[in-house]
Amino acid sequence: MSASLLLVAMLAAVAAPAENARPNVVLIVADDLGWADVGYHNPEIRSPNIDRLVKTGIELDLHYVQPQCTPTRVALMTGRYPSRFGRHCTQASNEKALPDGTPTLSSLLKQAGYDTALVGKWHLGSKPEWGPNHFGFDYSYGCLAGATGIYDHRYRLTRPEFTRTWHRNEEFIDEEGHVTDLEAREAVAWIEKQREEPFFLYLPFQAVHVPLVEPDRYLEANAHIDYADRRLFAAAVTHLDEAIGKVVDALDRTGQRENTLIIFTSDNGGLHNHRGDTYPPPDPKLENFSSNLPLRGQKSQTYEGGMRVPAFANWPGYLKPGVRDMPMHAVDWLPTILGLIDIKTEDAWHLDGQNVWPALAAYESNSDPRTLYWVWGARRQRVALRHGGWKILRPGPEADFELYNVAKDPYEKTDLSDSHPEQLAEMKKRFAAEKAKDAL
């Protein structure tokens, strides 16, 4: 056997799971965590557990999501762009997101014999009758709505129909404690359960979404940051990182780490400013507290900073440490996880995602250019499409399309729409083809 063939065989042996492998899957979603809000992108941030998981796993350098929370959660759960379900799914919403019977990652894994749980933020329907137990989760805990007071655990007081939101299995409960601590505690307890079947734990933390309130020890760990608002945010990141460390420790302690795939992403880019007094107090006003630099834009925008986010996958023995720079999207995780455990996808599901496991595991690459697509807002206020190294976006409902070669200009400094009219026209055709598949 030649040296090159031997290397390919060795990589395949390391990266390809055994036939009928059924790993546990822990899907961790941070909330509003920007590109420069993790230590491996920015040394001022204290996130040692996240950094260690990146170093020992696969860093996903071009991992895209939607520009806001509800849309990304739709994409993760269904493998489809949220605009396929209607305008209510294209921005943060408390309405019921998915029709009854929609195939979801949780329901499909449950059908395959997985024990399924959601711990954290649902935000795909903020009433109990629209909650996670109706969409394939055996167990659920956390907030049904978009966010809560850190210690109060209620949603916005101006929305009384959704204010009560903290629940276990869609039954409202009252508890004491910091949201991040409660979510970590519940996740650890669920991991430590005795079970025969593999599990899927969907762990969408509320952190580091506002409101931000942090104990002194996390603030002291970030005393090197002079600016108070940024220091408070960094403290929330450190708190989140500690919670993730507790989850990994529980997997180690119970002997399950070697058979657990951990996936991490943010739901969108960071938010720059928060007016305060939106959630139950304390809810301080914050300015320039999160950062997506050097990417352009922020949460709810279709520039890179709104939807290219920190992400990684980690599975000891199966994912050799490294960096993957192929464009991928939140919609890819459903077909990727299902493909990994040999669940066949169906045409009737109309998936937008692709199974990217071979590329992640480095035993097969795909050189075909991807087409990725975004719609934000009930009136399609902001849209974008990427194909290969090119991207078009419309930053506002009345704005013209902008064109960027993001392969060469990842920070979107130079709009090429005037100088490359043929490329712009081609991208518009691709955009129209995707729009035709939408429900709005």
Protein backbone atom coordinates (compact mmCIF):
# COMPACT_ATOMS: atom_id res chain seq x y z
CA MET A 1 0.00 0.00 0.00
CA SER A 2 1.32 3.45 -0.91
CA ALA A 3 2.04 5.98 1.80
CA SER A 4 -0.84 8.19 0.65
CA LEU A 5 -3.35 5.33 0.65
CA LEU A 6 -2.11 4.25 4.06
CA LEU A 7 -2.69 7.77 5.41
CA VAL A 8 -6.24 7.83 4.02
CA ALA A 9 -6.94 4.44 5.60
CA MET A 10 -5.56 5.58 8.94
CA LEU A 11 -7.69 8.73 8.88
CA ALA A 12 -10.78 6.72 8.03
CA ALA A 13 -10.07 4.29 10.87
CA VAL A 14 -9.77 7.16 13.32
CA ALA A 15 -12.64 9.28 12.00
CA ALA A 16 -15.28 6.83 10.79
CA PRO A 17 -17.52 5.53 13.59
CA ALA A 18 -18.08 1.82 13.80
CA GLU A 19 -21.11 0.49 11.99
CA ASN A 20 -24.28 0.95 14.05
CA ALA A 21 -22.47 3.38 16.37
CA ARG A 22 -25.01 5.23 18.50
CA PRO A 23 -23.20 8.03 20.29
CA ASN A 24 -24.75 10.30 22.84
CA VAL A 25 -25.20 13.80 21.43
CA VAL A 26 -24.96 16.99 23.48
CA LEU A 27 -25.94 20.05 21.45
CA ILE A 28 -24.96 23.22 23.35
CA VAL A 29 -26.26 26.58 22.16
CA ALA A 30 -25.03 29.84 23.66
CA ASP A 31 -27.30 32.86 23.29
CA ASP A 32 -26.00 36.07 21.68
CA LEU A 33 -22.33 35.03 21.92
CA GLY A 34 -20.31 37.09 19.45
CA TRP A 35 -17.29 36.15 17.37
CA ALA A 36 -14.84 37.93 19.71
CA ASP A 37 -16.59 36.74 22.88
CA VAL A 38 -14.62 33.49 23.29
CA GLY A 39 -11.07 33.03 24.44
CA TYR A 40 -9.85 31.19 21.36
CA HIS A 41 -10.76 34.27 19.29
CA ASN A 42 -9.91 36.91 21.88
CA PRO A 43 -7.39 36.49 24.74
CA GLU A 44 -9.19 38.98 27.02
CA ILE A 45 -12.05 36.49 27.42
CA ARG A 46 -11.76 33.80 30.09
CA SER A 47 -13.35 30.66 28.62
CA PRO A 48 -10.91 27.80 29.36
CA ASN A 49 -13.40 24.95 28.97
CA ILE A 50 -14.64 26.15 25.59
CA ASP A 51 -11.06 26.76 24.48
CA ARG A 52 -10.01 23.26 25.56
CA LEU A 53 -12.90 21.65 23.68
CA VAL A 54 -11.95 23.60 20.56
CA LYS A 55 -8.29 22.63 20.88
CA THR A 56 -9.13 18.94 21.26
CA GLY A 57 -11.92 18.98 18.67
CA ILE A 58 -12.87 20.50 15.34
CA GLU A 59 -13.05 24.27 15.16
CA LEU A 60 -15.77 25.27 12.69
CA ASP A 61 -14.45 28.49 11.20
CA LEU A 62 -17.32 29.12 8.77
CA HIS A 63 -20.29 27.99 10.82
CA TYR A 64 -23.39 30.03 10.04
CA VAL A 65 -26.69 30.35 11.86
CA GLN A 66 -29.67 32.68 11.46
CA PRO A 67 -29.40 36.30 12.62
CA GLN A 68 -31.67 35.78 15.65
CA CYS A 69 -32.76 33.22 18.21
CA THR A 70 -36.09 31.68 17.13
CA PRO A 71 -34.97 31.28 13.48
CA THR A 72 -31.76 29.48 14.46
CA ARG A 73 -33.67 27.14 16.77
CA VAL A 74 -36.05 26.31 13.93
CA ALA A 75 -33.05 25.54 11.71
CA LEU A 76 -31.40 23.32 14.32
CA MET A 77 -34.54 21.35 15.11
CA THR A 78 -35.83 20.87 11.53
CA GLY A 79 -32.86 21.01 9.14
CA ARG A 80 -34.80 23.64 7.18
CA TYR A 81 -34.54 27.38 6.77
CA PRO A 82 -37.10 29.09 9.03
CA SER A 83 -38.65 31.00 6.13
CA ARG A 84 -39.95 27.65 4.85
CA PHE A 85 -42.43 27.67 7.77
CA GLY A 86 -43.68 31.24 7.49
CA ARG A 87 -42.89 34.80 8.49
CA HIS A 88 -43.42 34.11 12.21
CA CYS A 89 -40.29 31.93 12.21
CA THR A 90 -37.96 34.54 10.70
CA GLN A 91 -37.48 36.63 13.84
CA ALA A 92 -37.79 36.29 17.62
CA SER A 93 -41.34 35.17 18.35
CA ASN A 94 -43.45 33.72 21.15
CA GLU A 95 -45.90 32.17 18.71
CA LYS A 96 -46.02 28.47 17.92
CA ALA A 97 -43.24 27.97 15.40
CA LEU A 98 -43.80 24.52 13.93
CA PRO A 99 -46.91 22.65 12.79
CA ASP A 100 -47.84 19.59 14.83
CA GLY A 101 -46.11 16.50 13.51
CA THR A 102 -43.13 18.35 12.03
CA PRO A 103 -40.15 15.97 11.97
CA THR A 104 -37.60 17.38 14.41
CA LEU A 105 -34.15 16.28 15.47
CA SER A 106 -35.57 15.31 18.86
CA SER A 107 -38.58 13.39 17.53
CA LEU A 108 -36.49 11.48 14.99
CA LEU A 109 -33.87 10.53 17.58
CA LYS A 110 -36.63 9.52 19.99
CA GLN A 111 -38.11 7.25 17.33
CA ALA A 112 -34.64 5.71 16.94
CA GLY A 113 -34.58 4.80 20.64
CA TYR A 114 -32.77 7.81 22.08
CA ASP A 115 -33.63 9.31 25.45
CA THR A 116 -34.21 13.00 24.65
CA ALA A 117 -34.07 16.08 26.84
CA LEU A 118 -34.09 19.85 26.49
CA VAL A 119 -32.52 21.88 29.28
CA GLY A 120 -32.64 25.65 28.77
CA LYS A 121 -34.40 27.99 26.39
CA TRP A 122 -37.04 26.68 23.97
CA HIS A 123 -38.45 29.82 22.22
CA LEU A 124 -40.35 27.88 19.56
CA GLY A 125 -43.70 28.52 21.17
CA SER A 126 -43.98 30.16 24.59
CA LYS A 127 -47.07 28.38 25.92
CA PRO A 128 -46.94 24.94 27.53
CA GLU A 129 -49.17 23.43 24.84
CA TRP A 130 -46.55 24.48 22.26
CA GLY A 131 -43.62 23.29 24.33
CA PRO A 132 -40.73 20.88 23.70
CA ASN A 133 -42.50 17.76 25.00
CA HIS A 134 -44.86 18.13 22.04
CA PHE A 135 -41.94 17.93 19.61
CA GLY A 136 -40.02 14.84 20.62
CA PHE A 137 -38.47 15.62 24.00
CA ASP A 138 -39.01 13.06 26.76
CA TYR A 139 -37.94 15.65 29.33
CA SER A 140 -37.76 19.42 29.35
CA TYR A 141 -36.72 22.12 31.79
CA GLY A 142 -36.04 25.84 31.57
CA CYS A 143 -37.82 28.75 29.93
CA LEU A 144 -40.39 28.45 27.19
CA ALA A 145 -40.05 32.09 26.11
CA GLY A 146 -37.13 34.18 24.90
CA ALA A 147 -35.32 34.97 28.14
CA THR A 148 -35.97 35.48 31.84
CA GLY A 149 -34.87 37.55 34.77
CA ILE A 150 -31.63 36.04 36.00
CA TYR A 151 -33.00 35.30 39.49
CA ASP A 152 -36.67 36.12 38.88
CA HIS A 153 -37.17 33.54 36.08
CA ARG A 154 -40.03 35.43 34.47
CA TYR A 155 -40.22 36.73 30.90
CA ARG A 156 -40.99 40.37 30.03
CA LEU A 157 -43.57 41.78 32.41
CA THR A 158 -45.19 43.66 29.49
CA ARG A 159 -46.23 40.30 27.98
CA PRO A 160 -48.46 38.85 30.71
CA GLU A 161 -49.61 35.95 28.54
CA PHE A 162 -46.00 34.72 28.41
CA THR A 163 -44.53 36.11 31.66
CA ARG A 164 -44.78 32.80 33.53
CA THR A 165 -42.30 30.66 31.63
CA TRP A 166 -39.98 28.67 33.95
CA HIS A 167 -41.09 25.05 33.74
CA ARG A 168 -40.33 21.37 34.07
CA ASN A 169 -42.04 19.19 31.47
CA GLU A 170 -44.30 22.12 30.54
CA GLU A 171 -45.56 22.55 34.13
CA PHE A 172 -44.67 25.95 35.62
CA ILE A 173 -42.38 25.83 38.65
CA ASP A 174 -40.78 28.30 41.06
CA GLU A 175 -37.11 27.98 41.97
CA GLU A 176 -34.31 30.03 43.44
CA GLY A 177 -30.95 30.53 41.80
CA HIS A 178 -29.05 32.03 38.89
CA VAL A 179 -30.39 30.81 35.54
CA THR A 180 -26.98 29.56 34.36
CA ASP A 181 -26.47 27.56 37.58
CA LEU A 182 -29.93 26.04 37.43
CA GLU A 183 -29.50 24.94 33.82
CA ALA A 184 -26.08 23.44 34.53
CA ARG A 185 -27.38 21.61 37.60
CA GLU A 186 -30.30 20.14 35.67
CA ALA A 187 -28.12 19.07 32.74
CA VAL A 188 -25.65 17.33 35.05
CA ALA A 189 -28.42 15.52 36.93
CA TRP A 190 -29.93 14.32 33.66
CA ILE A 191 -26.57 13.06 32.36
CA GLU A 192 -26.08 11.14 35.61
CA LYS A 193 -29.36 9.21 35.20
CA GLN A 194 -29.07 5.45 34.83
CA ARG A 195 -30.16 4.42 31.34
CA GLU A 196 -29.59 1.70 28.79
CA GLU A 197 -30.29 3.75 25.67
CA PRO A 198 -28.13 6.52 24.16
CA PHE A 199 -29.23 10.09 24.81
CA PHE A 200 -29.70 13.40 23.05
CA LEU A 201 -29.31 16.44 25.31
CA TYR A 202 -30.23 19.76 23.72
CA LEU A 203 -28.70 22.40 26.00
CA PRO A 204 -29.62 25.91 24.82
CA PHE A 205 -28.34 28.11 27.65
CA GLN A 206 -29.91 31.51 28.23
CA ALA A 207 -26.39 32.88 28.75
CA VAL A 208 -25.11 35.26 27.56
CA HIS A 209 -28.40 36.91 26.63
CA VAL A 210 -29.45 39.99 28.60
CA PRO A 211 -30.28 40.70 31.37
CA LEU A 212 -26.79 40.31 32.78
CA VAL A 213 -26.29 39.86 36.51
CA GLU A 214 -23.17 38.06 37.74
CA PRO A 215 -21.78 37.09 41.16
CA ASP A 216 -18.61 38.83 42.31
CA ARG A 217 -16.31 35.90 41.66
CA TYR A 218 -16.98 36.00 37.91
CA LEU A 219 -16.49 39.76 37.87
CA GLU A 220 -13.23 39.36 39.77
CA ALA A 221 -12.05 36.79 37.23
CA ASN A 222 -12.43 39.50 34.60
CA ALA A 223 -10.99 42.42 36.56
CA HIS A 224 -8.42 42.90 33.79
CA ILE A 225 -11.19 44.45 31.65
CA ASP A 226 -11.50 48.14 32.52
CA TYR A 227 -14.79 48.90 30.79
CA ALA A 228 -17.57 47.93 33.20
CA ASP A 229 -20.19 46.83 30.66
CA ARG A 230 -17.69 44.64 28.82
CA ARG A 231 -16.43 43.24 32.14
CA LEU A 232 -19.98 42.26 33.13
CA PHE A 233 -20.51 40.52 29.82
CA ALA A 234 -17.16 38.73 30.06
CA ALA A 235 -18.17 37.55 33.54
CA ALA A 236 -21.31 36.02 32.03
CA VAL A 237 -19.15 34.23 29.45
CA THR A 238 -16.89 32.87 32.19
CA HIS A 239 -19.98 31.69 34.10
CA LEU A 240 -21.32 29.96 30.98
CA ASP A 241 -17.92 28.39 30.38
CA GLU A 242 -17.86 27.01 33.93
CA ALA A 243 -21.33 25.52 33.37
CA ILE A 244 -20.11 23.80 30.20
CA GLY A 245 -17.15 22.47 32.15
CA LYS A 246 -19.55 20.91 34.68
CA VAL A 247 -21.39 19.15 31.86
CA VAL A 248 -18.15 17.73 30.46
CA ASP A 249 -17.05 16.68 33.95
CA ALA A 250 -20.36 14.80 34.38
CA LEU A 251 -19.76 12.95 31.13
CA ASP A 252 -16.25 12.03 32.30
CA ARG A 253 -17.38 11.04 35.78
CA THR A 254 -20.09 8.71 34.43
CA GLY A 255 -17.81 7.10 31.83
CA GLN A 256 -19.78 8.49 28.90
CA ARG A 257 -17.37 11.05 27.46
CA GLU A 258 -15.73 8.74 24.92
CA ASN A 259 -19.12 7.94 23.39
CA THR A 260 -20.48 11.49 23.34
CA LEU A 261 -20.42 13.95 20.46
CA ILE A 262 -20.47 17.53 21.78
CA ILE A 263 -21.57 20.26 19.39
CA PHE A 264 -21.38 23.93 20.31
CA THR A 265 -22.67 27.03 18.56
CA SER A 266 -24.08 30.45 19.31
CA ASP A 267 -27.59 31.15 18.06
CA ASN A 268 -26.54 34.43 16.41
CA GLY A 269 -23.90 37.12 16.63
CA GLY A 270 -23.47 39.42 19.58
CA LEU A 271 -25.70 42.35 20.43
CA HIS A 272 -23.92 45.69 20.79
CA ASN A 273 -26.34 47.69 22.97
CA HIS A 274 -29.20 46.92 25.36
CA ARG A 275 -31.59 49.60 26.62
CA GLY A 276 -32.24 47.87 29.95
CA ASP A 277 -35.44 47.62 32.02
CA THR A 278 -36.87 45.10 29.56
CA TYR A 279 -36.84 41.98 31.75
CA PRO A 280 -37.58 41.60 35.46
CA PRO A 281 -34.95 43.57 37.42
CA PRO A 282 -32.11 43.86 37.75
CA ASP A 283 -31.77 44.53 34.02
CA PRO A 284 -29.05 47.16 33.51
CA LYS A 285 -28.57 49.25 30.40
CA LEU A 286 -25.45 48.15 28.50
CA GLU A 287 -23.45 49.70 25.69
CA ASN A 288 -20.84 48.07 23.42
CA PHE A 289 -20.71 45.07 25.73
CA SER A 290 -20.41 42.27 23.16
CA SER A 291 -18.14 42.08 20.12
CA ASN A 292 -18.18 40.43 16.71
CA LEU A 293 -14.93 42.01 15.54
CA PRO A 294 -13.34 41.80 13.07
CA LEU A 295 -16.60 40.72 11.43
CA ARG A 296 -19.06 43.38 10.31
CA GLY A 297 -22.52 43.69 11.83
CA GLN A 298 -24.40 42.27 14.79
CA LYS A 299 -27.43 40.30 15.91
CA SER A 300 -30.46 40.55 13.55
CA GLN A 301 -28.26 41.69 10.64
CA THR A 302 -27.24 39.62 7.62
CA TYR A 303 -23.65 40.85 7.60
CA GLU A 304 -21.20 38.19 8.79
CA GLY A 305 -21.16 39.43 12.38
CA GLY A 306 -24.86 38.67 12.72
CA MET A 307 -24.68 35.04 11.70
CA ARG A 308 -21.12 33.66 11.50
CA VAL A 309 -20.50 32.45 15.02
CA PRO A 310 -18.07 30.53 17.25
CA ALA A 311 -18.72 26.80 16.86
CA PHE A 312 -17.01 23.45 17.28
CA ALA A 313 -17.58 19.69 17.41
CA ASN A 314 -15.73 17.41 19.82
CA TRP A 315 -15.76 13.61 20.00
CA PRO A 316 -12.63 11.91 21.35
CA GLY A 317 -11.27 9.23 19.06
CA TYR A 318 -13.54 10.11 16.14
CA LEU A 319 -12.79 13.75 15.41
CA LYS A 320 -9.10 14.45 15.03
CA PRO A 321 -8.30 17.99 16.28
CA GLY A 322 -8.16 20.60 13.54
CA VAL A 323 -9.97 23.40 11.77
CA ARG A 324 -12.63 23.10 9.09
CA ASP A 325 -13.17 26.14 6.90
CA MET A 326 -15.96 24.84 4.66
CA PRO A 327 -19.17 26.88 4.88
CA MET A 328 -21.86 25.10 6.87
CA HIS A 329 -25.11 26.10 8.52
CA ALA A 330 -27.25 25.19 11.52
CA VAL A 331 -29.58 23.33 9.12
CA ASP A 332 -26.77 20.79 8.57
CA TRP A 333 -26.85 19.34 12.08
CA LEU A 334 -30.08 17.37 11.70
CA PRO A 335 -29.00 15.42 8.58
CA THR A 336 -25.44 15.12 9.94
CA ILE A 337 -26.49 13.59 13.27
CA LEU A 338 -29.08 11.36 11.63
CA GLY A 339 -26.54 10.20 9.05
CA LEU A 340 -24.05 9.43 11.79
CA ILE A 341 -26.44 6.97 13.43
CA ASP A 342 -27.75 5.67 10.09
CA ILE A 343 -31.23 7.19 10.08
CA LYS A 344 -32.29 7.73 6.49
CA THR A 345 -33.63 11.17 5.65
CA GLU A 346 -36.74 11.45 3.50
CA ASP A 347 -37.48 13.72 0.55
CA ALA A 348 -40.81 14.60 2.14
CA TRP A 349 -38.96 16.45 4.89
CA HIS A 350 -37.67 18.99 2.30
CA LEU A 351 -34.37 19.41 4.13
CA ASP A 352 -32.11 22.34 3.32
CA GLY A 353 -29.21 20.92 5.31
CA GLN A 354 -26.54 18.46 4.23
CA ASN A 355 -24.75 15.65 6.01
CA VAL A 356 -21.31 17.19 6.62
CA TRP A 357 -19.94 14.40 8.81
CA PRO A 358 -17.45 13.11 6.20
CA ALA A 359 -15.95 16.59 5.90
CA LEU A 360 -15.87 17.06 9.67
CA ALA A 361 -14.19 13.71 10.17
CA ALA A 362 -11.70 14.46 7.35
CA TYR A 363 -12.11 11.18 5.52
CA GLU A 364 -13.98 12.74 2.61
CA SER A 365 -14.16 16.30 1.33
CA ASN A 366 -16.81 18.03 -0.73
CA SER A 367 -15.52 20.63 -3.16
CA ASP A 368 -18.96 21.55 -4.52
CA PRO A 369 -19.91 25.15 -3.65
CA ARG A 370 -22.65 25.47 -1.03
CA THR A 371 -25.64 27.72 -1.32
CA LEU A 372 -26.73 29.18 2.03
CA TYR A 373 -29.77 31.40 2.48
CA TRP A 374 -31.11 33.80 5.10
CA VAL A 375 -34.31 35.76 5.70
CA TRP A 376 -34.77 37.93 8.77
CA GLY A 377 -37.98 39.75 9.65
CA ALA A 378 -41.69 39.25 9.07
CA ARG A 379 -41.49 41.64 6.09
CA ARG A 380 -38.24 40.12 4.83
CA GLN A 381 -36.44 43.24 6.03
CA ARG A 382 -32.96 41.70 5.74
CA VAL A 383 -31.95 38.85 3.47
CA ALA A 384 -28.77 37.22 2.20
CA LEU A 385 -27.45 34.35 0.11
CA ARG A 386 -23.99 32.86 -0.10
CA HIS A 387 -22.86 30.64 -2.98
CA GLY A 388 -19.27 29.49 -3.00
CA GLY A 389 -17.15 32.51 -2.10
CA TRP A 390 -19.77 35.08 -3.13
CA LYS A 391 -22.50 36.62 -1.03
CA ILE A 392 -25.32 39.04 -1.66
CA LEU A 393 -27.32 40.76 1.04
CA ARG A 394 -29.98 43.40 1.39
CA PRO A 395 -29.49 45.28 4.68
CA GLY A 396 -32.96 46.86 4.71
CA PRO A 397 -36.37 46.50 3.06
CA GLU A 398 -35.81 49.43 0.68
CA ALA A 399 -32.08 48.91 0.16
CA ASP A 400 -30.37 47.58 -2.95
CA PHE A 401 -28.55 44.29 -2.92
CA GLU A 402 -24.89 44.44 -1.95
CA LEU A 403 -22.33 41.97 -3.34
CA TYR A 404 -19.23 40.72 -1.55
CA ASN A 405 -16.55 38.21 -2.32
CA VAL A 406 -16.41 36.93 1.26
CA ALA A 407 -13.75 34.36 0.37
CA LYS A 408 -11.36 37.26 -0.23
CA ASP A 409 -13.14 39.95 1.79
CA PRO A 410 -14.54 38.22 4.90
CA TYR A 411 -15.04 41.53 6.69
CA GLU A 412 -17.31 42.85 3.91
CA LYS A 413 -15.44 46.07 3.34
CA THR A 414 -15.94 46.37 -0.44
CA ASP A 415 -19.36 46.22 -2.09
CA LEU A 416 -18.81 44.87 -5.65
CA SER A 417 -22.37 45.21 -6.90
CA ASP A 418 -21.50 48.04 -9.33
CA SER A 419 -18.25 46.55 -10.61
CA HIS A 420 -19.52 42.96 -11.04
CA PRO A 421 -23.05 43.26 -12.50
CA GLU A 422 -23.01 39.78 -14.08
CA GLN A 423 -22.09 38.13 -10.77
CA LEU A 424 -24.78 40.16 -9.02
CA ALA A 425 -27.37 39.04 -11.58
CA GLU A 426 -26.38 35.39 -11.14
CA MET A 427 -26.63 35.64 -7.36
CA LYS A 428 -30.05 37.28 -7.62
CA LYS A 429 -31.26 34.33 -9.71
CA ARG A 430 -30.05 31.94 -7.05
CA PHE A 431 -31.77 34.04 -4.42
CA ALA A 432 -35.06 33.99 -6.37
CA ALA A 433 -34.86 30.20 -6.59
CA GLU A 434 -34.53 29.92 -2.83
CA LYS A 435 -37.25 32.49 -2.18
CA ALA A 436 -39.65 30.43 -4.30
CA LYS A 437 -39.40 27.63 -1.71
CA ASP A 438 -40.49 29.90 1.17
CA ALA A 439 -43.87 29.98 2.85
CA LEU A 440 -43.94 33.80 2.89
